[in-house]
C-alpha cells in the first residue's frame, strides 16, 4: 500500500470564472497540505497567473510536463493548453465551460491511467459545460461513463453520510424511477462503500420514504407500502442492516440520522437540502461505487464572489482529506481481501 505522503491528488480547476482556482490555491498555500499529499493541477500556468494577480495570492506553482513527473512538496501544474484565455470573473461564458471540460478530461484520463491516485474536482457550471463532447448532467454521470462501476453520490462530513437513490433527474420523474431493482442496487452500493471505503464492518443504513409521512398507509401515495417496505424486508433477509422507510420531514431535525452509518434519500433535494443545512461549508461530495476515487466540495461556482478573494476553501480542503482517507481505507481493504488466508479442510 502506498504511504500517505505519496498519494497524488489530481485536481480539475472547474469553471475558470468561478471560485475553483481560488479555493485550490488557498488550500495548498498551507505547506502542511503538501506533507499529506502531492497535488497535481490540470490547467494552464497563464490562467493560474491571472487568478493569482486578481486575488493577490503568491502561491508558488511548479510546472511539469506530465503528472508522472510531479514532485513531492510542490504544487504541481500540468499545462493542458498554452493559448491565452479570457477570464470574466462571475460570468457564465462558453469559454468557462470549454476549459472546465478540458481540465476535467485530462484529470480523469490521468486517474484512469494511474498517473494520479485520486481526483478532486472544483465546481463546474452544469449549463455552460454542455457540448458535443460533454452531454452529462454533472461530474457524477461523466465519471460513471468514463470509469468502471456504477456510481452513488454520497454527501458526507465527519458525522453524516447521505446517498441518493435517484440523482440529477426532475422531481416529476422520481416516483416512476424508484423501483425495487434501483433500491437494491443503491443499498448494495452504499453497503459496499461503507465497508471498503470507510472501514465499517457491519454498516447500518436508513432509507427515507418517498411520500410525505411515508404515504400514511396509502393515503398519500402507495409507493412506500408497495415498493420500498417489501424491498427493504428482502434486503434484511439477506443479512443487511437496513431500516425504513422513515418520514423525511422529521428524520434530520430529530437527530435520528445519528443512529446510522449512512442514509439513503429517494431524490436529490430530499437528501441534499438537510445535509447542506447541517454541514454546508464543510461537506464533501464523494462518488462511490467506481473503481477510482473522486471527491469535490459541497458547493458550486459561487459566481457572486468570484475574483474577490472572499471564497472559503474549507470544503475543498475537506474533499482532499476525504480522498486521501478513502484511498487509504480502500487500499487496506484490498490488501485484506488479497491476503485472506485460505481455509484448509
C-alpha atoms as a PDB file:
ATOM      1  CA  UNK A   1       0.000   0.000   0.000  1.00  0.00           C
ATOM      2  CA  UNK A   2       1.259   3.475  -0.858  1.00  0.00           C
ATOM      3  CA  UNK A   3       2.282   5.691   2.000  1.00  0.00           C
ATOM      4  CA  UNK A   4       0.026   8.600   2.768  1.00  0.00           C
ATOM      5  CA  UNK A   5       2.588  11.247   1.808  1.00  0.00           C
ATOM      6  CA  UNK A   6       2.998   9.745  -1.671  1.00  0.00           C
ATOM      7  CA  UNK A   7      -0.643   9.945  -2.668  1.00  0.00           C
ATOM      8  CA  UNK A   8      -1.023  12.028  -5.819  1.00  0.00           C
ATOM      9  CA  UNK A   9      -4.171  14.145  -5.828  1.00  0.00           C
ATOM     10  CA  UNK A  10      -5.309  15.062  -9.339  1.00  0.00           C
ATOM     11  CA  UNK A  11      -7.251  18.322  -9.426  1.00  0.00           C
ATOM     12  CA  UNK A  12      -9.565  19.732 -12.101  1.00  0.00           C
ATOM     13  CA  UNK A  13      -9.976  23.500 -11.923  1.00  0.00           C
ATOM     14  CA  UNK A  14     -13.705  23.799 -12.597  1.00  0.00           C
ATOM     15  CA  UNK A  15     -15.246  26.880 -14.193  1.00  0.00           C
ATOM     16  CA  UNK A  16     -12.482  29.414 -14.869  1.00  0.00           C
ATOM     17  CA  UNK A  17     -14.798  32.318 -13.978  1.00  0.00           C
ATOM     18  CA  UNK A  18     -15.817  30.851 -10.612  1.00  0.00           C
ATOM     19  CA  UNK A  19     -14.051  30.285  -7.309  1.00  0.00           C
ATOM     20  CA  UNK A  20     -12.470  26.931  -8.215  1.00  0.00           C
ATOM     21  CA  UNK A  21      -8.907  28.121  -8.736  1.00  0.00           C
ATOM     22  CA  UNK A  22      -9.130  30.360  -5.669  1.00  0.00           C
ATOM     23  CA  UNK A  23     -10.083  27.538  -3.309  1.00  0.00           C
ATOM     24  CA  UNK A  24      -7.414  25.274  -4.832  1.00  0.00           C
ATOM     25  CA  UNK A  25      -4.666  27.861  -4.312  1.00  0.00           C
ATOM     26  CA  UNK A  26      -5.823  28.721  -0.795  1.00  0.00           C
ATOM     27  CA  UNK A  27      -5.951  25.045   0.177  1.00  0.00           C
ATOM     28  CA  UNK A  28      -2.405  24.264  -0.896  1.00  0.00           C
ATOM     29  CA  UNK A  29      -0.936  27.575   0.191  1.00  0.00           C
ATOM     30  CA  UNK A  30      -0.799  25.857   3.582  1.00  0.00           C
ATOM     31  CA  UNK A  31       2.536  23.942   3.495  1.00  0.00           C
ATOM     32  CA  UNK A  32       1.129  21.285   5.823  1.00  0.00           C
ATOM     33  CA  UNK A  33      -1.094  20.082   2.995  1.00  0.00           C
ATOM     34  CA  UNK A  34       1.998  19.220   0.952  1.00  0.00           C
ATOM     35  CA  UNK A  35       3.109  16.890   3.735  1.00  0.00           C
ATOM     36  CA  UNK A  36      -0.111  14.899   3.263  1.00  0.00           C
ATOM     37  CA  UNK A  37      -0.178  14.568  -0.498  1.00  0.00           C
ATOM     38  CA  UNK A  38       1.251  15.666  -3.832  1.00  0.00           C
ATOM     39  CA  UNK A  39      -1.243  17.897  -5.683  1.00  0.00           C
ATOM     40  CA  UNK A  40      -1.334  17.824  -9.493  1.00  0.00           C
ATOM     41  CA  UNK A  41      -3.470  20.565 -11.059  1.00  0.00           C
ATOM     42  CA  UNK A  42      -4.649  20.223 -14.659  1.00  0.00           C
ATOM     43  CA  UNK A  43      -4.957  23.628 -16.295  1.00  0.00           C
ATOM     44  CA  UNK A  44      -2.755  26.449 -17.541  1.00  0.00           C
ATOM     45  CA  UNK A  45       0.046  28.475 -15.951  1.00  0.00           C
ATOM     46  CA  UNK A  46      -1.217  31.609 -17.731  1.00  0.00           C
ATOM     47  CA  UNK A  47      -4.697  31.090 -16.320  1.00  0.00           C
ATOM     48  CA  UNK A  48      -3.385  30.468 -12.811  1.00  0.00           C
ATOM     49  CA  UNK A  49      -1.314  33.658 -13.035  1.00  0.00           C
ATOM     50  CA  UNK A  50      -4.406  35.702 -13.914  1.00  0.00           C
ATOM     51  CA  UNK A  51      -6.211  34.401 -10.853  1.00  0.00           C
ATOM     52  CA  UNK A  52      -3.221  34.893  -8.569  1.00  0.00           C
ATOM     53  CA  UNK A  53      -2.851  38.504  -9.680  1.00  0.00           C
ATOM     54  CA  UNK A  54      -6.558  39.254  -9.264  1.00  0.00           C
ATOM     55  CA  UNK A  55      -6.687  37.608  -5.840  1.00  0.00           C
ATOM     56  CA  UNK A  56      -3.380  38.980  -4.568  1.00  0.00           C
ATOM     57  CA  UNK A  57      -2.009  35.491  -3.938  1.00  0.00           C
ATOM     58  CA  UNK A  58       1.647  34.487  -4.219  1.00  0.00           C
ATOM     59  CA  UNK A  59       1.194  30.707  -4.171  1.00  0.00           C
ATOM     60  CA  UNK A  60       4.177  29.031  -5.808  1.00  0.00           C
ATOM     61  CA  UNK A  61       3.352  26.651  -8.667  1.00  0.00           C
ATOM     62  CA  UNK A  62       5.687  24.025 -10.145  1.00  0.00           C
ATOM     63  CA  UNK A  63       5.110  23.235 -13.817  1.00  0.00           C
ATOM     64  CA  UNK A  64       5.514  19.637 -15.021  1.00  0.00           C
ATOM     65  CA  UNK A  65       5.119  18.108 -18.465  1.00  0.00           C
ATOM     66  CA  UNK A  66       3.258  15.038 -17.258  1.00  0.00           C
ATOM     67  CA  UNK A  67       1.582  14.020 -13.976  1.00  0.00           C
ATOM     68  CA  UNK A  68       4.093  11.186 -13.611  1.00  0.00           C
ATOM     69  CA  UNK A  69       6.773  13.896 -13.207  1.00  0.00           C
ATOM     70  CA  UNK A  70       5.045  15.501 -10.218  1.00  0.00           C
ATOM     71  CA  UNK A  71       7.413  16.486  -7.404  1.00  0.00           C
ATOM     72  CA  UNK A  72       6.630  15.913  -3.741  1.00  0.00           C
ATOM     73  CA  UNK A  73       6.275  19.020  -1.542  1.00  0.00           C
ATOM     74  CA  UNK A  74       5.360  21.114  -4.593  1.00  0.00           C
ATOM     75  CA  UNK A  75       2.069  22.304  -6.067  1.00  0.00           C
ATOM     76  CA  UNK A  76       2.379  20.715  -9.482  1.00  0.00           C
ATOM     77  CA  UNK A  77       0.672  22.044 -12.606  1.00  0.00           C
ATOM     78  CA  UNK A  78       0.270  20.198 -15.907  1.00  0.00           C
ATOM     79  CA  UNK A  79      -0.333  22.671 -18.753  1.00  0.00           C
ATOM     80  CA  UNK A  80      -3.240  21.325 -20.803  1.00  0.00           C
ATOM     81  CA  UNK A  81      -3.388  24.332 -23.124  1.00  0.00           C
ATOM     82  CA  UNK A  82      -0.985  27.170 -23.966  1.00  0.00           C
ATOM     83  CA  UNK A  83      -3.268  29.777 -25.504  1.00  0.00           C
ATOM     84  CA  UNK A  84      -4.441  32.874 -23.662  1.00  0.00           C
ATOM     85  CA  UNK A  85      -7.910  32.578 -22.164  1.00  0.00           C
ATOM     86  CA  UNK A  86     -10.290  35.429 -21.353  1.00  0.00           C
ATOM     87  CA  UNK A  87     -11.326  35.313 -17.713  1.00  0.00           C
ATOM     88  CA  UNK A  88     -14.569  37.091 -16.829  1.00  0.00           C
ATOM     89  CA  UNK A  89     -14.987  36.635 -13.111  1.00  0.00           C
ATOM     90  CA  UNK A  90     -18.564  35.970 -12.061  1.00  0.00           C
ATOM     91  CA  UNK A  91     -19.902  35.361 -15.553  1.00  0.00           C
ATOM     92  CA  UNK A  92     -21.197  32.237 -17.245  1.00  0.00           C
ATOM     93  CA  UNK A  93     -19.384  32.002 -20.576  1.00  0.00           C
ATOM     94  CA  UNK A  94     -18.813  29.360 -23.240  1.00  0.00           C
ATOM     95  CA  UNK A  95     -15.069  29.626 -22.628  1.00  0.00           C
ATOM     96  CA  UNK A  96     -15.630  28.918 -18.953  1.00  0.00           C
ATOM     97  CA  UNK A  97     -17.323  25.653 -19.823  1.00  0.00           C
ATOM     98  CA  UNK A  98     -14.840  24.721 -22.551  1.00  0.00           C
ATOM     99  CA  UNK A  99     -11.777  24.926 -20.343  1.00  0.00           C
ATOM    100  CA  UNK A 100     -13.531  23.349 -17.367  1.00  0.00           C
ATOM    101  CA  UNK A 101     -14.153  20.342 -19.610  1.00  0.00           C
ATOM    102  CA  UNK A 102     -10.559  20.221 -20.885  1.00  0.00           C
ATOM    103  CA  UNK A 103      -9.255  20.219 -17.325  1.00  0.00           C
ATOM    104  CA  UNK A 104     -11.720  17.558 -16.202  1.00  0.00           C
ATOM    105  CA  UNK A 105     -10.993  15.348 -19.204  1.00  0.00           C
ATOM    106  CA  UNK A 106      -7.220  15.498 -18.645  1.00  0.00           C
ATOM    107  CA  UNK A 107      -7.544  14.861 -14.909  1.00  0.00           C
ATOM    108  CA  UNK A 108      -9.891  11.924 -15.493  1.00  0.00           C
ATOM    109  CA  UNK A 109      -7.534  10.394 -18.057  1.00  0.00           C
ATOM    110  CA  UNK A 110      -4.687  10.691 -15.567  1.00  0.00           C
ATOM    111  CA  UNK A 111      -6.853   8.952 -12.969  1.00  0.00           C
ATOM    112  CA  UNK A 112      -7.713   6.135 -15.396  1.00  0.00           C
ATOM    113  CA  UNK A 113      -4.040   5.670 -16.273  1.00  0.00           C
ATOM    114  CA  UNK A 114      -2.938   5.625 -12.604  1.00  0.00           C
ATOM    115  CA  UNK A 115      -0.863   8.796 -13.095  1.00  0.00           C
ATOM    116  CA  UNK A 116      -2.721  10.182 -10.071  1.00  0.00           C
ATOM    117  CA  UNK A 117      -4.223   8.199  -7.210  1.00  0.00           C
ATOM    118  CA  UNK A 118      -7.409  10.178  -6.558  1.00  0.00           C
ATOM    119  CA  UNK A 119      -9.343  13.019  -8.162  1.00  0.00           C
ATOM    120  CA  UNK A 120     -10.706  16.164  -6.512  1.00  0.00           C
ATOM    121  CA  UNK A 121     -12.885  18.322  -8.754  1.00  0.00           C
ATOM    122  CA  UNK A 122     -13.542  22.041  -8.384  1.00  0.00           C
ATOM    123  CA  UNK A 123     -17.099  23.195  -9.214  1.00  0.00           C
ATOM    124  CA  UNK A 124     -18.354  23.347 -12.796  1.00  0.00           C
ATOM    125  CA  UNK A 125     -21.366  25.109 -14.257  1.00  0.00           C
ATOM    126  CA  UNK A 126     -23.633  22.305 -15.492  1.00  0.00           C
ATOM    127  CA  UNK A 127     -25.050  24.512 -18.242  1.00  0.00           C
ATOM    128  CA  UNK A 128     -22.063  26.117 -19.938  1.00  0.00           C
ATOM    129  CA  UNK A 129     -20.001  22.921 -19.908  1.00  0.00           C
ATOM    130  CA  UNK A 130     -22.512  21.218 -22.203  1.00  0.00           C
ATOM    131  CA  UNK A 131     -21.174  20.469 -25.702  1.00  0.00           C
ATOM    132  CA  UNK A 132     -20.991  17.666 -28.233  1.00  0.00           C
ATOM    133  CA  UNK A 133     -18.201  16.233 -26.059  1.00  0.00           C
ATOM    134  CA  UNK A 134     -19.908  16.719 -22.685  1.00  0.00           C
ATOM    135  CA  UNK A 135     -23.574  15.702 -22.599  1.00  0.00           C
ATOM    136  CA  UNK A 136     -23.815  14.772 -18.940  1.00  0.00           C
ATOM    137  CA  UNK A 137     -25.846  16.214 -16.071  1.00  0.00           C
ATOM    138  CA  UNK A 138     -22.775  16.604 -13.887  1.00  0.00           C
ATOM    139  CA  UNK A 139     -19.470  15.207 -12.686  1.00  0.00           C
ATOM    140  CA  UNK A 140     -21.039  12.015 -11.342  1.00  0.00           C
ATOM    141  CA  UNK A 141     -22.551  10.954 -14.645  1.00  0.00           C
ATOM    142  CA  UNK A 142     -19.413  11.882 -16.599  1.00  0.00           C
ATOM    143  CA  UNK A 143     -17.182   9.841 -14.301  1.00  0.00           C
ATOM    144  CA  UNK A 144     -19.516   6.847 -14.365  1.00  0.00           C
ATOM    145  CA  UNK A 145     -19.300   6.861 -18.170  1.00  0.00           C
ATOM    146  CA  UNK A 146     -15.502   7.086 -18.132  1.00  0.00           C
ATOM    147  CA  UNK A 147     -14.612   4.791 -15.245  1.00  0.00           C
ATOM    148  CA  UNK A 148     -15.593   1.287 -14.167  1.00  0.00           C
ATOM    149  CA  UNK A 149     -18.522   0.549 -11.873  1.00  0.00           C
ATOM    150  CA  UNK A 150     -21.886   2.136 -11.064  1.00  0.00           C
ATOM    151  CA  UNK A 151     -21.945   5.431  -9.212  1.00  0.00           C
ATOM    152  CA  UNK A 152     -23.583   6.508  -5.975  1.00  0.00           C
ATOM    153  CA  UNK A 153     -23.466  10.150  -4.921  1.00  0.00           C
ATOM    154  CA  UNK A 154     -22.673  10.477  -1.212  1.00  0.00           C
ATOM    155  CA  UNK A 155     -22.596  13.826   0.603  1.00  0.00           C
ATOM    156  CA  UNK A 156     -20.603  13.461   3.804  1.00  0.00           C
ATOM    157  CA  UNK A 157     -18.844  15.005   6.739  1.00  0.00           C
ATOM    158  CA  UNK A 158     -17.427  13.502   9.943  1.00  0.00           C
ATOM    159  CA  UNK A 159     -20.825  12.527  11.353  1.00  0.00           C
ATOM    160  CA  UNK A 160     -23.226  12.265   8.419  1.00  0.00           C
ATOM    161  CA  UNK A 161     -23.341  10.427   5.081  1.00  0.00           C
ATOM    162  CA  UNK A 162     -26.287  10.918   2.723  1.00  0.00           C
ATOM    163  CA  UNK A 163     -26.617   8.948  -0.524  1.00  0.00           C
ATOM    164  CA  UNK A 164     -29.183   9.328  -3.289  1.00  0.00           C
ATOM    165  CA  UNK A 165     -31.357   6.614  -4.811  1.00  0.00           C
ATOM    166  CA  UNK A 166     -32.160   8.957  -7.720  1.00  0.00           C
ATOM    167  CA  UNK A 167     -29.774  11.745  -8.680  1.00  0.00           C
ATOM    168  CA  UNK A 168     -29.992  14.580 -11.173  1.00  0.00           C
ATOM    169  CA  UNK A 169     -33.482  13.977 -12.511  1.00  0.00           C
ATOM    170  CA  UNK A 170     -36.647  16.153 -12.452  1.00  0.00           C
ATOM    171  CA  UNK A 171     -38.899  15.665  -9.434  1.00  0.00           C
ATOM    172  CA  UNK A 172     -41.818  14.582 -11.638  1.00  0.00           C
ATOM    173  CA  UNK A 173     -39.756  11.585 -12.798  1.00  0.00           C
ATOM    174  CA  UNK A 174     -38.749  10.362  -9.354  1.00  0.00           C
ATOM    175  CA  UNK A 175     -41.686   8.087  -8.483  1.00  0.00           C
ATOM    176  CA  UNK A 176     -41.559   6.189 -11.772  1.00  0.00           C
ATOM    177  CA  UNK A 177     -37.770   5.816 -11.463  1.00  0.00           C
ATOM    178  CA  UNK A 178     -37.793   4.314  -7.959  1.00  0.00           C
ATOM    179  CA  UNK A 179     -38.091   0.565  -8.467  1.00  0.00           C
ATOM    180  CA  UNK A 180     -37.193  -2.413  -6.247  1.00  0.00           C
ATOM    181  CA  UNK A 181     -34.200  -3.062  -8.503  1.00  0.00           C
ATOM    182  CA  UNK A 182     -32.915   0.506  -8.131  1.00  0.00           C
ATOM    183  CA  UNK A 183     -33.353   0.493  -4.349  1.00  0.00           C
ATOM    184  CA  UNK A 184     -31.471  -2.804  -4.079  1.00  0.00           C
ATOM    185  CA  UNK A 185     -28.658  -1.524  -6.305  1.00  0.00           C
ATOM    186  CA  UNK A 186     -28.201   1.694  -4.345  1.00  0.00           C
ATOM    187  CA  UNK A 187     -28.364  -0.042  -0.960  1.00  0.00           C
ATOM    188  CA  UNK A 188     -25.726  -2.514  -2.106  1.00  0.00           C
ATOM    189  CA  UNK A 189     -23.514   0.278  -3.446  1.00  0.00           C
ATOM    190  CA  UNK A 190     -23.791   2.148  -0.158  1.00  0.00           C
ATOM    191  CA  UNK A 191     -23.258  -1.019   1.878  1.00  0.00           C
ATOM    192  CA  UNK A 192     -20.114  -1.995  -0.048  1.00  0.00           C
ATOM    193  CA  UNK A 193     -18.723   1.535   0.072  1.00  0.00           C
ATOM    194  CA  UNK A 194     -19.166   1.757   3.838  1.00  0.00           C
ATOM    195  CA  UNK A 195     -17.168  -1.455   4.200  1.00  0.00           C
ATOM    196  CA  UNK A 196     -14.305  -0.815   1.797  1.00  0.00           C
ATOM    197  CA  UNK A 197     -14.107   2.987   1.787  1.00  0.00           C
ATOM    198  CA  UNK A 198     -14.874   3.727   5.431  1.00  0.00           C
ATOM    199  CA  UNK A 199     -13.829   0.530   7.235  1.00  0.00           C
ATOM    200  CA  UNK A 200     -17.262  -0.168   8.765  1.00  0.00           C
ATOM    201  CA  UNK A 201     -17.708  -3.926   9.221  1.00  0.00           C
ATOM    202  CA  UNK A 202     -21.485  -4.059   9.713  1.00  0.00           C
ATOM    203  CA  UNK A 203     -22.985  -0.922   8.170  1.00  0.00           C
ATOM    204  CA  UNK A 204     -26.318   0.336   9.434  1.00  0.00           C
ATOM    205  CA  UNK A 205     -28.328   2.151   6.744  1.00  0.00           C
ATOM    206  CA  UNK A 206     -31.577   4.142   6.918  1.00  0.00           C
ATOM    207  CA  UNK A 207     -33.789   4.665   3.856  1.00  0.00           C
ATOM    208  CA  UNK A 208     -36.159   7.638   3.658  1.00  0.00           C
ATOM    209  CA  UNK A 209     -39.705   7.344   2.354  1.00  0.00           C
ATOM    210  CA  UNK A 210     -40.735   8.771  -0.998  1.00  0.00           C
ATOM    211  CA  UNK A 211     -44.020  10.383   0.047  1.00  0.00           C
ATOM    212  CA  UNK A 212     -44.936  12.678   2.954  1.00  0.00           C
ATOM    213  CA  UNK A 213     -45.271  10.578   6.125  1.00  0.00           C
ATOM    214  CA  UNK A 214     -44.244   7.558   4.011  1.00  0.00           C
ATOM    215  CA  UNK A 215     -47.661   7.688   2.386  1.00  0.00           C
ATOM    216  CA  UNK A 216     -49.735   7.325   5.589  1.00  0.00           C
ATOM    217  CA  UNK A 217     -50.644   3.739   4.749  1.00  0.00           C
ATOM    218  CA  UNK A 218     -51.545   4.615   1.177  1.00  0.00           C
ATOM    219  CA  UNK A 219     -53.491   7.816   1.836  1.00  0.00           C
ATOM    220  CA  UNK A 220     -50.684   9.990   0.336  1.00  0.00           C
ATOM    221  CA  UNK A 221     -49.255   7.552  -2.183  1.00  0.00           C
ATOM    222  CA  UNK A 222     -48.699   3.801  -2.292  1.00  0.00           C
ATOM    223  CA  UNK A 223     -45.018   3.579  -3.314  1.00  0.00           C
ATOM    224  CA  UNK A 224     -43.640   3.269   0.212  1.00  0.00           C
ATOM    225  CA  UNK A 225     -46.030   0.426   1.126  1.00  0.00           C
ATOM    226  CA  UNK A 226     -45.888  -1.451  -2.154  1.00  0.00           C
ATOM    227  CA  UNK A 227     -42.275  -0.897  -3.235  1.00  0.00           C
ATOM    228  CA  UNK A 228     -39.951   0.369  -0.522  1.00  0.00           C
ATOM    229  CA  UNK A 229     -41.048  -1.701   2.503  1.00  0.00           C
ATOM    230  CA  UNK A 230     -41.061  -5.112   0.737  1.00  0.00           C
ATOM    231  CA  UNK A 231     -37.697  -4.329  -0.874  1.00  0.00           C
ATOM    232  CA  UNK A 232     -36.077  -3.417   2.426  1.00  0.00           C
ATOM    233  CA  UNK A 233     -37.524  -6.557   4.037  1.00  0.00           C
ATOM    234  CA  UNK A 234     -35.908  -8.609   1.272  1.00  0.00           C
ATOM    235  CA  UNK A 235     -32.554  -6.948   1.920  1.00  0.00           C
ATOM    236  CA  UNK A 236     -32.912  -7.587   5.661  1.00  0.00           C
ATOM    237  CA  UNK A 237     -33.438 -11.292   4.992  1.00  0.00           C
ATOM    238  CA  UNK A 238     -30.141 -11.247   3.092  1.00  0.00           C
ATOM    239  CA  UNK A 239     -28.417 -10.061   6.251  1.00  0.00           C
ATOM    240  CA  UNK A 240     -28.094  -6.346   5.605  1.00  0.00           C
ATOM    241  CA  UNK A 241     -28.839  -3.930   8.427  1.00  0.00           C
ATOM    242  CA  UNK A 242     -31.119  -1.581   6.530  1.00  0.00           C
ATOM    243  CA  UNK A 243     -34.199   0.083   8.014  1.00  0.00           C
ATOM    244  CA  UNK A 244     -37.056   2.222   6.774  1.00  0.00           C
ATOM    245  CA  UNK A 245     -38.737   3.847   5.146  1.00  0.00           C
ATOM    246  CA  UNK A 246     -38.570   6.798   7.544  1.00  0.00           C
ATOM    247  CA  UNK A 247     -40.586  10.020   7.131  1.00  0.00           C
ATOM    248  CA  UNK A 248     -38.136  12.518   5.676  1.00  0.00           C
ATOM    249  CA  UNK A 249     -39.650  15.629   7.226  1.00  0.00           C
ATOM    250  CA  UNK A 250     -38.588  14.824  10.806  1.00  0.00           C
ATOM    251  CA  UNK A 251     -35.678  12.443  10.284  1.00  0.00           C
ATOM    252  CA  UNK A 252     -32.870  15.000  10.358  1.00  0.00           C
ATOM    253  CA  UNK A 253     -34.402  17.546  12.729  1.00  0.00           C
ATOM    254  CA  UNK A 254     -34.977  14.866  15.369  1.00  0.00           C
ATOM    255  CA  UNK A 255     -31.343  13.726  15.154  1.00  0.00           C
ATOM    256  CA  UNK A 256     -32.366  10.229  14.020  1.00  0.00           C
ATOM    257  CA  UNK A 257     -29.600  10.274  11.418  1.00  0.00           C
ATOM    258  CA  UNK A 258     -27.016   9.976  14.221  1.00  0.00           C
ATOM    259  CA  UNK A 259     -28.102   6.366  14.827  1.00  0.00           C
ATOM    260  CA  UNK A 260     -26.985   5.229  11.351  1.00  0.00           C
ATOM    261  CA  UNK A 261     -23.766   4.949   9.388  1.00  0.00           C
ATOM    262  CA  UNK A 262     -25.489   6.329   6.291  1.00  0.00           C
ATOM    263  CA  UNK A 263     -28.828   7.482   4.952  1.00  0.00           C
ATOM    264  CA  UNK A 264     -30.305   6.929   1.503  1.00  0.00           C
ATOM    265  CA  UNK A 265     -32.683   9.616   0.285  1.00  0.00           C
ATOM    266  CA  UNK A 266     -35.147   8.983  -2.519  1.00  0.00           C
ATOM    267  CA  UNK A 267     -34.309  12.105  -4.514  1.00  0.00           C
ATOM    268  CA  UNK A 268     -31.787  14.925  -4.757  1.00  0.00           C
ATOM    269  CA  UNK A 269     -33.208  17.693  -2.585  1.00  0.00           C
ATOM    270  CA  UNK A 270     -34.715  15.305  -0.038  1.00  0.00           C
ATOM    271  CA  UNK A 271     -31.177  14.368   0.948  1.00  0.00           C
ATOM    272  CA  UNK A 272     -29.071  17.357  -0.014  1.00  0.00           C
ATOM    273  CA  UNK A 273     -31.238  20.117   1.454  1.00  0.00           C
ATOM    274  CA  UNK A 274     -30.965  18.818   5.043  1.00  0.00           C
ATOM    275  CA  UNK A 275     -27.333  17.809   4.540  1.00  0.00           C
ATOM    276  CA  UNK A 276     -26.290  21.259   3.401  1.00  0.00           C
ATOM    277  CA  UNK A 277     -28.307  22.844   6.203  1.00  0.00           C
ATOM    278  CA  UNK A 278     -26.372  20.765   8.731  1.00  0.00           C
ATOM    279  CA  UNK A 279     -22.934  20.673   7.106  1.00  0.00           C
ATOM    280  CA  UNK A 280     -22.646  23.415   4.458  1.00  0.00           C
ATOM    281  CA  UNK A 281     -19.128  24.752   4.060  1.00  0.00           C
ATOM    282  CA  UNK A 282     -17.533  21.623   5.441  1.00  0.00           C
ATOM    283  CA  UNK A 283     -19.237  18.875   3.480  1.00  0.00           C
ATOM    284  CA  UNK A 284     -17.797  16.673   0.747  1.00  0.00           C
ATOM    285  CA  UNK A 285     -19.351  15.081  -2.332  1.00  0.00           C
ATOM    286  CA  UNK A 286     -17.941  11.566  -2.831  1.00  0.00           C
ATOM    287  CA  UNK A 287     -18.673   9.476  -5.929  1.00  0.00           C
ATOM    288  CA  UNK A 288     -18.863   5.952  -4.522  1.00  0.00           C
ATOM    289  CA  UNK A 289     -19.194   2.714  -6.460  1.00  0.00           C
ATOM    290  CA  UNK A 290     -16.497   3.378  -9.060  1.00  0.00           C
ATOM    291  CA  UNK A 291     -13.074   1.786  -9.366  1.00  0.00           C
ATOM    292  CA  UNK A 292     -11.431   5.175  -8.775  1.00  0.00           C
ATOM    293  CA  UNK A 293     -11.894   7.766  -6.029  1.00  0.00           C
ATOM    294  CA  UNK A 294     -13.344  11.211  -6.684  1.00  0.00           C
ATOM    295  CA  UNK A 295     -14.418  13.889  -4.223  1.00  0.00           C
ATOM    296  CA  UNK A 296     -15.444  17.531  -4.503  1.00  0.00           C
ATOM    297  CA  UNK A 297     -16.586  20.406  -2.272  1.00  0.00           C
ATOM    298  CA  UNK A 298     -20.272  20.666  -1.430  1.00  0.00           C
ATOM    299  CA  UNK A 299     -20.848  23.982  -3.208  1.00  0.00           C
ATOM    300  CA  UNK A 300     -20.964  25.460  -6.696  1.00  0.00           C
ATOM    301  CA  UNK A 301     -19.081  28.052  -8.727  1.00  0.00           C
ATOM    302  CA  UNK A 302     -20.194  30.965  -6.486  1.00  0.00           C
ATOM    303  CA  UNK A 303     -20.016  33.493  -9.322  1.00  0.00           C
ATOM    304  CA  UNK A 304     -21.226  36.236  -6.977  1.00  0.00           C
ATOM    305  CA  UNK A 305     -17.903  36.285  -5.078  1.00  0.00           C
ATOM    306  CA  UNK A 306     -15.537  35.048  -7.809  1.00  0.00           C
ATOM    307  CA  UNK A 307     -12.336  37.080  -8.104  1.00  0.00           C
ATOM    308  CA  UNK A 308     -12.949  38.935  -4.847  1.00  0.00           C
ATOM    309  CA  UNK A 309     -10.782  36.790  -2.580  1.00  0.00           C
ATOM    310  CA  UNK A 310     -13.775  36.001  -0.345  1.00  0.00           C
ATOM    311  CA  UNK A 311     -14.178  32.286  -1.099  1.00  0.00           C
ATOM    312  CA  UNK A 312     -13.992  29.924   1.864  1.00  0.00           C
ATOM    313  CA  UNK A 313     -11.855  26.896   0.998  1.00  0.00           C
ATOM    314  CA  UNK A 314     -12.674  24.593   3.920  1.00  0.00           C
ATOM    315  CA  UNK A 315     -14.991  22.338   1.903  1.00  0.00           C
ATOM    316  CA  UNK A 316     -12.350  21.839  -0.801  1.00  0.00           C
ATOM    317  CA  UNK A 317      -9.733  21.081   1.843  1.00  0.00           C
ATOM    318  CA  UNK A 318     -12.097  18.541   3.423  1.00  0.00           C
ATOM    319  CA  UNK A 319     -12.567  16.983  -0.028  1.00  0.00           C
ATOM    320  CA  UNK A 320      -8.803  16.489  -0.274  1.00  0.00           C
ATOM    321  CA  UNK A 321      -8.702  14.959   3.216  1.00  0.00           C
ATOM    322  CA  UNK A 322     -11.609  12.656   2.361  1.00  0.00           C
ATOM    323  CA  UNK A 323      -9.995  11.457  -0.879  1.00  0.00           C
ATOM    324  CA  UNK A 324      -6.806  10.601   0.999  1.00  0.00           C
ATOM    325  CA  UNK A 325      -8.655   8.800   3.803  1.00  0.00           C
ATOM    326  CA  UNK A 326     -10.829   6.813   1.397  1.00  0.00           C
ATOM    327  CA  UNK A 327      -7.763   5.863  -0.646  1.00  0.00           C
ATOM    328  CA  UNK A 328      -6.078   4.517   2.494  1.00  0.00           C
ATOM    329  CA  UNK A 329      -9.180   2.628   3.615  1.00  0.00           C
ATOM    330  CA  UNK A 330      -9.758   1.103   0.179  1.00  0.00           C
ATOM    331  CA  UNK A 331      -6.092   0.096  -0.081  1.00  0.00           C
ATOM    332  CA  UNK A 332      -6.267  -1.637   3.305  1.00  0.00           C
ATOM    333  CA  UNK A 333      -9.443  -3.442   2.294  1.00  0.00           C
ATOM    334  CA  UNK A 334      -7.895  -4.598  -0.983  1.00  0.00           C
ATOM    335  CA  UNK A 335      -4.837  -5.912   0.823  1.00  0.00           C
ATOM    336  CA  UNK A 336      -7.038  -7.703   3.339  1.00  0.00           C
ATOM    337  CA  UNK A 337      -9.001  -9.437   0.589  1.00  0.00           C
ATOM    338  CA  UNK A 338      -5.906 -10.335  -1.410  1.00  0.00           C
ATOM    339  CA  UNK A 339      -4.077 -11.727   1.605  1.00  0.00           C
ATOM    340  CA  UNK A 340      -7.036 -13.574   3.076  1.00  0.00           C
ATOM    341  CA  UNK A 341      -5.880 -16.967   4.296  1.00  0.00           C
ATOM    342  CA  UNK A 342      -7.416 -19.975   2.626  1.00  0.00           C
ATOM    343  CA  UNK A 343      -9.153 -22.352   5.000  1.00  0.00           C
ATOM    344  CA  UNK A 344      -7.865 -25.882   4.518  1.00  0.00           C
ATOM    345  CA  UNK A 345     -10.078 -28.890   5.078  1.00  0.00           C
END
